[in-house]
Amino acid sequence: MIRPILVAALFILPVAALAADSARDAILADYATQAKKADVSFTAFSSQRGEALFRTKWAGGDPRTPSCTACHTDNPRNSGQNAKTGRTIDPVAVSANPKRFTNRDDVEKQFGRDCKSVLGRECSALEKGDYITFMAGQ
């Protein structure tokens, strides 16, 4: 009984290590502070809300990008393609791209551009944190 658990742990630990990154954690901590200021009942980011944000088809943005999946594909571990330019996009999932969400300026630049394109508005700190939380688990 112990042996299957040990084998499973050997496969899970490297994935968990990839998801943890001090720069990403600091970005999430800043978003958590902002989310708490916007809503005192905020307690934690949600992978489920992040996945819903990723998969939902929105009506407010550019018709070429009705959802994040328009560029990033249904599987965030795969490379995507910019729906506007055709340029290849590295995977958005942290397991496939461990440096994803580790540079604060890049993260803000991407959310600033992509939220307006997909949602037709800025993303909230809650949405950004939920999205990163979902991608860190992928």
Protein backbone atom coordinates (compact mmCIF):
# COMPACT_ATOMS: atom_id res chain seq x y z
CA MET A 1 0.00 0.00 0.00
CA ILE A 2 2.82 2.42 0.81
CA ARG A 3 4.64 1.76 -2.44
CA PRO A 4 1.82 3.07 -4.74
CA ILE A 5 1.56 6.19 -2.60
CA LEU A 6 5.31 6.74 -2.79
CA VAL A 7 5.29 6.30 -6.57
CA ALA A 8 2.39 8.76 -6.88
CA ALA A 9 4.24 11.27 -4.70
CA LEU A 10 7.30 11.06 -6.96
CA PHE A 11 5.15 12.15 -9.90
CA ILE A 12 3.20 14.84 -8.05
CA LEU A 13 6.12 16.59 -6.31
CA PRO A 14 7.87 17.79 -9.51
CA VAL A 15 4.59 19.26 -10.79
CA ALA A 16 4.00 21.03 -7.48
CA ALA A 17 7.55 22.38 -7.56
CA LEU A 18 6.97 23.82 -11.03
CA ALA A 19 3.84 25.62 -9.85
CA ALA A 20 5.67 27.33 -6.97
CA ASP A 21 7.76 30.36 -7.85
CA SER A 22 8.57 33.26 -5.54
CA ALA A 23 8.05 35.89 -8.27
CA ARG A 24 4.65 34.41 -9.20
CA ASP A 25 3.76 34.15 -5.51
CA ALA A 26 4.61 37.84 -5.04
CA ILE A 27 2.41 38.82 -7.99
CA LEU A 28 -0.44 36.75 -6.55
CA ALA A 29 0.08 38.32 -3.12
CA ASP A 30 -0.26 41.80 -4.66
CA TYR A 31 -3.45 40.77 -6.46
CA ALA A 32 -4.78 39.32 -3.20
CA THR A 33 -4.17 42.63 -1.42
CA GLN A 34 -5.99 44.48 -4.22
CA ALA A 35 -8.85 41.96 -4.22
CA LYS A 36 -9.25 42.30 -0.44
CA LYS A 37 -9.40 46.10 -0.79
CA ALA A 38 -12.10 45.77 -3.46
CA ASP A 39 -14.09 43.18 -1.45
CA VAL A 40 -13.46 42.67 2.26
CA SER A 41 -15.03 39.21 2.04
CA PHE A 42 -12.25 38.00 -0.31
CA THR A 43 -10.44 34.99 1.16
CA ALA A 44 -8.65 33.20 -1.68
CA PHE A 45 -8.26 32.86 -5.40
CA SER A 46 -10.17 30.09 -7.14
CA SER A 47 -8.88 27.78 -9.83
CA GLN A 48 -12.50 27.09 -10.81
CA ARG A 49 -13.23 30.79 -11.37
CA GLY A 50 -9.95 31.06 -13.29
CA GLU A 51 -10.94 28.18 -15.55
CA ALA A 52 -14.37 29.75 -16.13
CA LEU A 53 -12.68 33.03 -17.09
CA PHE A 54 -10.40 31.14 -19.48
CA ARG A 55 -13.19 29.15 -21.17
CA THR A 56 -16.13 31.60 -21.20
CA LYS A 57 -17.10 33.18 -24.51
CA TRP A 58 -17.45 36.90 -23.85
CA ALA A 59 -19.40 39.39 -25.94
CA GLY A 60 -17.67 42.68 -25.02
CA GLY A 61 -14.31 42.38 -26.71
CA ASP A 62 -12.91 41.88 -30.19
CA PRO A 63 -15.03 39.38 -32.15
CA ARG A 64 -11.82 37.58 -33.21
CA THR A 65 -11.08 36.82 -29.56
CA PRO A 66 -14.35 35.90 -27.84
CA SER A 67 -12.47 33.80 -25.25
CA CYS A 68 -8.94 33.11 -24.07
CA THR A 69 -9.15 29.80 -25.91
CA ALA A 70 -9.35 31.69 -29.22
CA CYS A 71 -5.58 32.14 -29.00
CA HIS A 72 -4.47 29.73 -26.27
CA THR A 73 -6.50 26.67 -27.43
CA ASP A 74 -8.76 24.59 -25.19
CA ASN A 75 -5.66 23.00 -23.67
CA PRO A 76 -3.47 25.66 -22.02
CA ARG A 77 -0.51 23.24 -22.10
CA ASN A 78 -0.38 23.54 -25.89
CA SER A 79 1.15 26.36 -27.90
CA GLY A 80 -1.42 28.74 -29.25
CA GLN A 81 -1.69 31.17 -32.10
CA ASN A 82 -2.58 34.83 -31.93
CA ALA A 83 -6.00 35.16 -33.57
CA LYS A 84 -5.13 38.60 -34.93
CA THR A 85 -1.53 38.20 -36.12
CA GLY A 86 -1.09 34.43 -36.51
CA ARG A 87 2.03 34.57 -34.32
CA THR A 88 2.74 31.42 -32.26
CA ILE A 89 2.13 31.84 -28.51
CA ASP A 90 3.98 29.80 -25.91
CA PRO A 91 1.77 27.64 -23.67
CA VAL A 92 0.03 29.59 -20.93
CA ALA A 93 0.02 26.67 -18.45
CA VAL A 94 2.80 26.85 -15.88
CA SER A 95 3.57 23.11 -16.23
CA ALA A 96 4.44 23.63 -19.89
CA ASN A 97 5.98 27.08 -19.44
CA PRO A 98 7.41 27.48 -15.90
CA LYS A 99 8.41 31.12 -16.47
CA ARG A 100 4.81 32.12 -17.15
CA PHE A 101 3.48 34.75 -14.71
CA THR A 102 6.88 35.45 -13.14
CA ASN A 103 7.63 38.91 -14.58
CA ARG A 104 5.30 41.53 -13.13
CA ASP A 105 5.64 43.93 -16.07
CA ASP A 106 4.94 41.19 -18.62
CA VAL A 107 1.96 39.92 -16.61
CA GLU A 108 0.42 43.39 -16.41
CA LYS A 109 1.12 44.07 -20.09
CA GLN A 110 -0.56 40.81 -21.15
CA PHE A 111 -3.58 41.23 -18.89
CA GLY A 112 -3.92 44.86 -20.00
CA ARG A 113 -3.99 43.90 -23.66
CA ASP A 114 -5.78 40.54 -23.46
CA CYS A 115 -8.55 41.51 -21.03
CA LYS A 116 -9.55 44.41 -23.26
CA SER A 117 -9.42 42.17 -26.34
CA VAL A 118 -11.39 39.29 -24.82
CA LEU A 119 -13.64 40.91 -22.20
CA GLY A 120 -13.81 44.41 -23.60
CA ARG A 121 -12.60 45.80 -20.26
CA GLU A 122 -9.82 45.64 -17.71
CA CYS A 123 -9.62 42.49 -15.58
CA SER A 124 -10.04 42.88 -11.84
CA ALA A 125 -7.35 41.78 -9.40
CA LEU A 126 -9.64 38.88 -8.46
CA GLU A 127 -9.89 37.76 -12.09
CA LYS A 128 -6.13 38.04 -12.60
CA GLY A 129 -5.41 36.04 -9.46
CA ASP A 130 -7.99 33.39 -10.32
CA TYR A 131 -6.58 33.05 -13.83
CA ILE A 132 -2.99 32.67 -12.62
CA THR A 133 -4.13 30.20 -9.96
CA PHE A 134 -5.85 28.09 -12.63
CA MET A 135 -2.82 28.21 -14.93
CA ALA A 136 -0.42 27.37 -12.09
CA GLY A 137 -2.35 24.13 -11.64
CA GLN A 138 -2.25 23.22 -15.31
